[in-house]
């Protein structure tokens, strides 16, 4: 999530066994503009930049895996960005329910509404209409 003028804006959800990182921060070695928050109890495996570089050198398949993860994330962000431009909130919610049915029950409405770019009240109204 990102805090914009005192309001948290959610733009991604991650689940079990999914890599989480601020690639911009990691690549540029700068503080991230985003925060990562766990909504459930979690166990994390942390890979720092130094060890990431070691794995790239010692394990050739690691670079391929890292590229695949980065490409998948970029595609997801592109779809999210286009959805925010092209789709109305009800359509975004329907896509969210279809694409991520597991999250609809696990994540509080406030975060889902933020992710969709609407208020919790609007989310409630959309759910009622659907």
N, C-alpha and C. Protein backbone atom coordinates (compact mmCIF):
# COMPACT_ATOMS: atom_id res chain seq x y z
N UNK A 1 0.83 -1.17 0.00
CA UNK A 1 0.00 0.00 0.00
C UNK A 1 0.88 1.23 0.00
N UNK A 2 0.26 2.36 -0.33
CA UNK A 2 0.95 3.65 -0.36
C UNK A 2 0.06 4.66 0.35
N UNK A 3 0.67 5.51 1.14
CA UNK A 3 -0.10 6.54 1.83
C UNK A 3 -0.07 7.81 1.00
N UNK A 4 -1.25 8.23 0.54
CA UNK A 4 -1.38 9.45 -0.26
C UNK A 4 -2.21 10.44 0.53
N UNK A 5 -1.56 11.49 0.98
CA UNK A 5 -2.24 12.55 1.73
C UNK A 5 -3.03 12.01 2.91
N UNK A 6 -2.45 11.07 3.65
CA UNK A 6 -3.08 10.52 4.84
C UNK A 6 -4.03 9.37 4.58
N UNK A 7 -4.22 9.01 3.33
CA UNK A 7 -5.11 7.90 2.98
C UNK A 7 -4.29 6.75 2.40
N UNK A 8 -4.51 5.56 2.95
CA UNK A 8 -3.81 4.38 2.45
C UNK A 8 -4.48 3.89 1.16
N UNK A 9 -3.65 3.65 0.15
CA UNK A 9 -4.13 3.15 -1.13
C UNK A 9 -3.52 1.77 -1.35
N UNK A 10 -4.36 0.75 -1.39
CA UNK A 10 -3.92 -0.63 -1.59
C UNK A 10 -3.87 -0.92 -3.08
N UNK A 11 -2.78 -1.53 -3.54
CA UNK A 11 -2.68 -1.82 -4.96
C UNK A 11 -2.23 -3.24 -5.27
N UNK A 12 -1.99 -4.04 -4.25
CA UNK A 12 -1.58 -5.42 -4.50
C UNK A 12 -1.84 -6.27 -3.28
N UNK A 13 -2.20 -7.52 -3.50
CA UNK A 13 -2.33 -8.50 -2.43
C UNK A 13 -1.41 -9.67 -2.75
N UNK A 14 -0.79 -10.22 -1.73
CA UNK A 14 0.07 -11.37 -1.89
C UNK A 14 -0.43 -12.47 -0.96
N UNK A 15 -0.20 -13.71 -1.35
CA UNK A 15 -0.63 -14.85 -0.54
C UNK A 15 0.54 -15.79 -0.31
N UNK A 16 0.26 -16.89 0.33
CA UNK A 16 1.28 -17.87 0.68
C UNK A 16 2.17 -18.20 -0.51
N UNK A 17 3.46 -18.34 -0.19
CA UNK A 17 4.47 -18.78 -1.17
C UNK A 17 4.64 -17.84 -2.35
N UNK A 18 4.24 -16.61 -2.19
CA UNK A 18 4.38 -15.64 -3.26
C UNK A 18 5.45 -14.63 -2.86
N UNK A 19 6.44 -14.40 -3.72
CA UNK A 19 7.49 -13.42 -3.39
C UNK A 19 6.90 -12.01 -3.26
N UNK A 20 7.40 -11.28 -2.29
CA UNK A 20 6.96 -9.92 -2.05
C UNK A 20 8.20 -9.03 -1.99
N UNK A 21 8.18 -7.95 -2.76
CA UNK A 21 9.31 -7.02 -2.75
C UNK A 21 8.90 -5.72 -3.40
N UNK A 22 9.61 -4.68 -3.05
CA UNK A 22 9.52 -3.44 -3.79
C UNK A 22 10.68 -3.46 -4.78
N UNK A 23 10.38 -3.86 -6.02
CA UNK A 23 11.45 -4.03 -7.00
C UNK A 23 12.16 -2.72 -7.30
N UNK A 24 11.42 -1.62 -7.30
CA UNK A 24 12.03 -0.31 -7.53
C UNK A 24 13.06 -0.02 -6.44
N UNK A 25 12.68 -0.22 -5.21
CA UNK A 25 13.57 0.00 -4.09
C UNK A 25 14.77 -0.94 -4.15
N UNK A 26 14.50 -2.20 -4.45
CA UNK A 26 15.56 -3.21 -4.51
C UNK A 26 16.56 -2.89 -5.62
N UNK A 27 16.06 -2.55 -6.80
CA UNK A 27 16.93 -2.28 -7.95
C UNK A 27 17.72 -0.99 -7.80
N UNK A 28 17.09 0.03 -7.22
CA UNK A 28 17.75 1.33 -7.12
C UNK A 28 18.44 1.56 -5.78
N UNK A 29 18.27 0.60 -4.87
CA UNK A 29 18.85 0.72 -3.53
C UNK A 29 18.42 2.02 -2.85
N UNK A 30 17.13 2.26 -2.90
CA UNK A 30 16.54 3.45 -2.28
C UNK A 30 15.36 3.01 -1.42
N UNK A 31 14.96 3.85 -0.48
CA UNK A 31 13.76 3.51 0.32
C UNK A 31 12.55 3.36 -0.59
N UNK A 32 11.67 2.46 -0.22
CA UNK A 32 10.48 2.21 -1.01
C UNK A 32 9.43 3.28 -0.78
N UNK A 33 8.64 3.54 -1.79
CA UNK A 33 7.49 4.44 -1.67
C UNK A 33 6.27 3.69 -1.16
N UNK A 34 6.42 2.38 -0.97
CA UNK A 34 5.31 1.53 -0.60
C UNK A 34 5.59 0.81 0.71
N UNK A 35 4.54 0.39 1.35
CA UNK A 35 4.65 -0.40 2.57
C UNK A 35 4.02 -1.76 2.34
N UNK A 36 4.55 -2.74 3.02
CA UNK A 36 4.00 -4.09 2.96
C UNK A 36 3.48 -4.42 4.35
N UNK A 37 2.24 -4.85 4.42
CA UNK A 37 1.60 -5.14 5.70
C UNK A 37 0.99 -6.54 5.64
N UNK A 38 1.22 -7.31 6.67
CA UNK A 38 0.63 -8.64 6.75
C UNK A 38 -0.73 -8.54 7.44
N UNK A 39 -1.74 -9.09 6.81
CA UNK A 39 -3.09 -9.09 7.39
C UNK A 39 -3.36 -10.36 8.17
N UNK A 40 -2.48 -11.33 8.02
CA UNK A 40 -2.61 -12.60 8.73
C UNK A 40 -1.25 -12.96 9.31
N UNK A 41 -1.25 -13.86 10.29
CA UNK A 41 0.02 -14.35 10.81
C UNK A 41 0.83 -14.90 9.66
N UNK A 42 2.13 -14.59 9.65
CA UNK A 42 2.96 -14.95 8.51
C UNK A 42 4.33 -15.42 8.97
N UNK A 43 4.90 -16.28 8.17
CA UNK A 43 6.29 -16.68 8.35
C UNK A 43 7.01 -16.25 7.08
N UNK A 44 8.08 -15.48 7.26
CA UNK A 44 8.78 -14.91 6.10
C UNK A 44 10.17 -15.49 5.95
N UNK A 45 10.57 -15.64 4.71
CA UNK A 45 11.95 -15.94 4.37
C UNK A 45 12.49 -14.68 3.71
N UNK A 46 13.57 -14.15 4.23
CA UNK A 46 14.09 -12.88 3.75
C UNK A 46 15.36 -13.11 2.93
N UNK A 47 15.40 -12.50 1.77
CA UNK A 47 16.56 -12.58 0.90
C UNK A 47 17.05 -11.16 0.67
N UNK A 48 18.22 -10.85 1.23
CA UNK A 48 18.73 -9.49 1.04
C UNK A 48 19.44 -9.37 -0.31
N UNK A 49 19.77 -8.15 -0.68
CA UNK A 49 20.37 -7.86 -1.98
C UNK A 49 21.68 -8.63 -2.19
N UNK A 50 22.51 -8.67 -1.16
CA UNK A 50 23.80 -9.36 -1.28
C UNK A 50 23.60 -10.84 -1.60
N UNK A 51 22.72 -11.50 -0.86
CA UNK A 51 22.47 -12.92 -1.10
C UNK A 51 21.74 -13.16 -2.43
N UNK A 52 20.93 -12.21 -2.84
CA UNK A 52 20.28 -12.29 -4.15
C UNK A 52 21.34 -12.35 -5.24
N UNK A 53 22.34 -11.48 -5.15
CA UNK A 53 23.43 -11.44 -6.14
C UNK A 53 24.23 -12.75 -6.12
N UNK A 54 24.46 -13.28 -4.93
CA UNK A 54 25.18 -14.55 -4.81
C UNK A 54 24.41 -15.66 -5.51
N UNK A 55 23.11 -15.72 -5.27
CA UNK A 55 22.28 -16.75 -5.92
C UNK A 55 22.29 -16.61 -7.44
N UNK A 56 22.29 -15.38 -7.92
CA UNK A 56 22.33 -15.16 -9.36
C UNK A 56 23.61 -15.74 -9.96
N UNK A 57 24.72 -15.58 -9.26
CA UNK A 57 26.01 -16.08 -9.76
C UNK A 57 26.13 -17.59 -9.63
N UNK A 58 25.66 -18.12 -8.50
CA UNK A 58 25.89 -19.54 -8.20
C UNK A 58 24.82 -20.47 -8.76
N UNK A 59 23.65 -19.97 -8.97
CA UNK A 59 22.53 -20.80 -9.45
C UNK A 59 21.94 -20.19 -10.72
N UNK A 60 22.37 -20.66 -11.89
CA UNK A 60 21.90 -20.05 -13.15
C UNK A 60 20.37 -20.02 -13.29
N UNK A 61 19.69 -21.03 -12.80
CA UNK A 61 18.23 -21.06 -12.93
C UNK A 61 17.56 -20.00 -12.04
N UNK A 62 18.27 -19.48 -11.05
CA UNK A 62 17.70 -18.47 -10.17
C UNK A 62 17.37 -17.19 -10.94
N UNK A 63 18.26 -16.78 -11.84
CA UNK A 63 18.00 -15.57 -12.64
C UNK A 63 16.77 -15.75 -13.52
N UNK A 64 16.61 -16.95 -14.08
CA UNK A 64 15.44 -17.22 -14.89
C UNK A 64 14.18 -17.14 -14.05
N UNK A 65 14.21 -17.73 -12.87
CA UNK A 65 13.06 -17.68 -11.96
C UNK A 65 12.76 -16.24 -11.56
N UNK A 66 13.78 -15.47 -11.22
CA UNK A 66 13.58 -14.06 -10.84
C UNK A 66 12.96 -13.27 -11.98
N UNK A 67 13.41 -13.53 -13.20
CA UNK A 67 12.84 -12.85 -14.36
C UNK A 67 11.37 -13.22 -14.54
N UNK A 68 11.04 -14.49 -14.39
CA UNK A 68 9.65 -14.93 -14.54
C UNK A 68 8.75 -14.28 -13.49
N UNK A 69 9.24 -14.18 -12.26
CA UNK A 69 8.47 -13.54 -11.19
C UNK A 69 8.27 -12.07 -11.50
N UNK A 70 9.32 -11.40 -11.93
CA UNK A 70 9.24 -9.98 -12.26
C UNK A 70 8.30 -9.74 -13.44
N UNK A 71 8.39 -10.58 -14.46
CA UNK A 71 7.51 -10.44 -15.63
C UNK A 71 6.04 -10.62 -15.23
N UNK A 72 5.78 -11.63 -14.42
CA UNK A 72 4.40 -11.88 -13.97
C UNK A 72 3.86 -10.68 -13.18
N UNK A 73 4.68 -10.15 -12.29
CA UNK A 73 4.26 -8.99 -11.49
C UNK A 73 4.01 -7.78 -12.39
N UNK A 74 4.87 -7.56 -13.37
CA UNK A 74 4.69 -6.43 -14.28
C UNK A 74 3.38 -6.57 -15.04
N UNK A 75 3.07 -7.77 -15.50
CA UNK A 75 1.81 -8.01 -16.22
C UNK A 75 0.62 -7.74 -15.30
N UNK A 76 0.70 -8.20 -14.05
CA UNK A 76 -0.39 -7.94 -13.09
C UNK A 76 -0.57 -6.45 -12.85
N UNK A 77 0.53 -5.71 -12.69
CA UNK A 77 0.43 -4.27 -12.48
C UNK A 77 -0.15 -3.57 -13.70
N UNK A 78 0.24 -4.02 -14.89
CA UNK A 78 -0.29 -3.42 -16.11
C UNK A 78 -1.80 -3.63 -16.20
N UNK A 79 -2.25 -4.85 -15.90
CA UNK A 79 -3.70 -5.14 -15.92
C UNK A 79 -4.43 -4.30 -14.88
N UNK A 80 -3.84 -4.19 -13.70
CA UNK A 80 -4.45 -3.38 -12.63
C UNK A 80 -4.57 -1.91 -13.07
N UNK A 81 -3.50 -1.38 -13.62
CA UNK A 81 -3.48 0.00 -14.09
C UNK A 81 -4.54 0.24 -15.16
N UNK A 82 -4.59 -0.65 -16.14
CA UNK A 82 -5.59 -0.49 -17.21
C UNK A 82 -7.01 -0.64 -16.68
N UNK A 83 -7.21 -1.54 -15.75
CA UNK A 83 -8.54 -1.71 -15.17
C UNK A 83 -8.99 -0.44 -14.47
N UNK A 84 -8.08 0.21 -13.77
CA UNK A 84 -8.44 1.46 -13.08
C UNK A 84 -8.81 2.56 -14.07
N UNK A 85 -8.26 2.50 -15.27
CA UNK A 85 -8.56 3.50 -16.31
C UNK A 85 -9.83 3.15 -17.07
N UNK A 86 -9.96 1.87 -17.44
CA UNK A 86 -11.02 1.46 -18.36
C UNK A 86 -12.32 0.99 -17.71
N UNK A 87 -12.23 0.38 -16.54
CA UNK A 87 -13.40 -0.27 -15.96
C UNK A 87 -14.07 0.58 -14.88
N UNK A 88 -15.37 0.47 -14.81
CA UNK A 88 -16.10 1.12 -13.72
C UNK A 88 -15.91 0.26 -12.46
N UNK A 89 -16.20 0.81 -11.28
CA UNK A 89 -15.98 0.07 -10.03
C UNK A 89 -16.68 -1.29 -9.96
N UNK A 90 -17.89 -1.40 -10.47
CA UNK A 90 -18.60 -2.68 -10.42
C UNK A 90 -17.87 -3.73 -11.25
N UNK A 91 -17.37 -3.33 -12.41
CA UNK A 91 -16.62 -4.25 -13.26
C UNK A 91 -15.31 -4.66 -12.58
N UNK A 92 -14.63 -3.69 -11.96
CA UNK A 92 -13.39 -4.02 -11.24
C UNK A 92 -13.68 -5.02 -10.13
N UNK A 93 -14.80 -4.84 -9.41
CA UNK A 93 -15.14 -5.77 -8.34
C UNK A 93 -15.44 -7.17 -8.89
N UNK A 94 -16.20 -7.23 -9.97
CA UNK A 94 -16.51 -8.53 -10.58
C UNK A 94 -15.23 -9.24 -11.00
N UNK A 95 -14.30 -8.52 -11.60
CA UNK A 95 -13.02 -9.11 -12.01
C UNK A 95 -12.24 -9.59 -10.78
N UNK A 96 -12.26 -8.80 -9.72
CA UNK A 96 -11.56 -9.18 -8.49
C UNK A 96 -12.14 -10.49 -7.96
N UNK A 97 -13.47 -10.58 -7.90
CA UNK A 97 -14.12 -11.80 -7.41
C UNK A 97 -13.78 -13.00 -8.29
N UNK A 98 -13.73 -12.80 -9.59
CA UNK A 98 -13.43 -13.89 -10.52
C UNK A 98 -11.96 -14.28 -10.47
N UNK A 99 -11.08 -13.28 -10.49
CA UNK A 99 -9.64 -13.54 -10.54
C UNK A 99 -9.07 -13.99 -9.21
N UNK A 100 -9.64 -13.49 -8.10
CA UNK A 100 -9.09 -13.77 -6.78
C UNK A 100 -10.17 -14.18 -5.78
N UNK A 101 -10.94 -15.24 -6.07
CA UNK A 101 -12.05 -15.62 -5.18
C UNK A 101 -11.58 -15.95 -3.77
N UNK A 102 -10.36 -16.44 -3.63
CA UNK A 102 -9.83 -16.77 -2.31
C UNK A 102 -9.67 -15.54 -1.43
N UNK A 103 -9.40 -14.41 -2.02
CA UNK A 103 -9.15 -13.19 -1.24
C UNK A 103 -10.43 -12.51 -0.78
N UNK A 104 -11.49 -12.70 -1.49
CA UNK A 104 -12.74 -12.02 -1.16
C UNK A 104 -13.19 -12.31 0.28
N UNK A 105 -12.90 -13.50 0.78
CA UNK A 105 -13.28 -13.88 2.14
C UNK A 105 -12.18 -13.61 3.16
N UNK A 106 -10.96 -13.47 2.73
CA UNK A 106 -9.82 -13.34 3.64
C UNK A 106 -9.45 -11.90 3.97
N UNK A 107 -9.84 -10.98 3.12
CA UNK A 107 -9.38 -9.60 3.26
C UNK A 107 -10.53 -8.70 3.70
N UNK A 108 -10.29 -7.86 4.70
CA UNK A 108 -11.35 -6.93 5.13
C UNK A 108 -11.81 -6.01 3.98
N UNK A 109 -13.08 -5.67 4.03
CA UNK A 109 -13.67 -4.85 2.97
C UNK A 109 -12.93 -3.55 2.73
N UNK A 110 -12.39 -2.94 3.79
CA UNK A 110 -11.69 -1.67 3.64
C UNK A 110 -10.55 -1.80 2.63
N UNK A 111 -9.80 -2.90 2.70
CA UNK A 111 -8.66 -3.10 1.80
C UNK A 111 -9.12 -3.41 0.38
N UNK A 112 -10.18 -4.18 0.27
CA UNK A 112 -10.72 -4.48 -1.07
C UNK A 112 -11.21 -3.20 -1.72
N UNK A 113 -11.94 -2.39 -0.98
CA UNK A 113 -12.44 -1.11 -1.52
C UNK A 113 -11.27 -0.22 -1.95
N UNK A 114 -10.25 -0.12 -1.12
CA UNK A 114 -9.08 0.68 -1.46
C UNK A 114 -8.43 0.17 -2.74
N UNK A 115 -8.29 -1.13 -2.85
CA UNK A 115 -7.70 -1.75 -4.04
C UNK A 115 -8.52 -1.42 -5.29
N UNK A 116 -9.83 -1.39 -5.14
CA UNK A 116 -10.72 -1.09 -6.27
C UNK A 116 -10.84 0.40 -6.54
N UNK A 117 -10.31 1.22 -5.64
CA UNK A 117 -10.37 2.67 -5.83
C UNK A 117 -11.71 3.27 -5.46
N UNK A 118 -12.39 2.64 -4.51
CA UNK A 118 -13.71 3.12 -4.08
C UNK A 118 -13.78 3.13 -2.55
N UNK A 119 -14.84 3.70 -2.03
CA UNK A 119 -15.03 3.72 -0.58
C UNK A 119 -15.66 2.40 -0.14
N UNK A 120 -15.53 2.05 1.15
CA UNK A 120 -16.20 0.85 1.65
C UNK A 120 -17.73 0.90 1.46
N UNK A 121 -18.30 2.09 1.55
CA UNK A 121 -19.74 2.25 1.33
C UNK A 121 -20.09 1.90 -0.11
N UNK A 122 -19.29 2.39 -1.05
CA UNK A 122 -19.53 2.08 -2.47
C UNK A 122 -19.40 0.59 -2.72
N UNK A 123 -18.42 -0.05 -2.09
CA UNK A 123 -18.26 -1.50 -2.22
C UNK A 123 -19.50 -2.22 -1.74
N UNK A 124 -20.01 -1.80 -0.61
CA UNK A 124 -21.23 -2.40 -0.07
C UNK A 124 -22.39 -2.24 -1.04
N UNK A 125 -22.52 -1.08 -1.62
CA UNK A 125 -23.60 -0.83 -2.58
C UNK A 125 -23.45 -1.70 -3.83
N UNK A 126 -22.23 -1.84 -4.31
CA UNK A 126 -21.98 -2.69 -5.49
C UNK A 126 -22.34 -4.14 -5.17
N UNK A 127 -21.93 -4.62 -4.00
CA UNK A 127 -22.24 -5.99 -3.62
C UNK A 127 -23.75 -6.19 -3.53
N UNK A 128 -24.45 -5.20 -3.01
CA UNK A 128 -25.91 -5.29 -2.89
C UNK A 128 -26.57 -5.37 -4.27
N UNK A 129 -26.07 -4.58 -5.21
CA UNK A 129 -26.64 -4.56 -6.58
C UNK A 129 -26.33 -5.86 -7.33
N UNK A 130 -25.18 -6.43 -7.07
CA UNK A 130 -24.78 -7.66 -7.75
C UNK A 130 -25.45 -8.81 -7.08
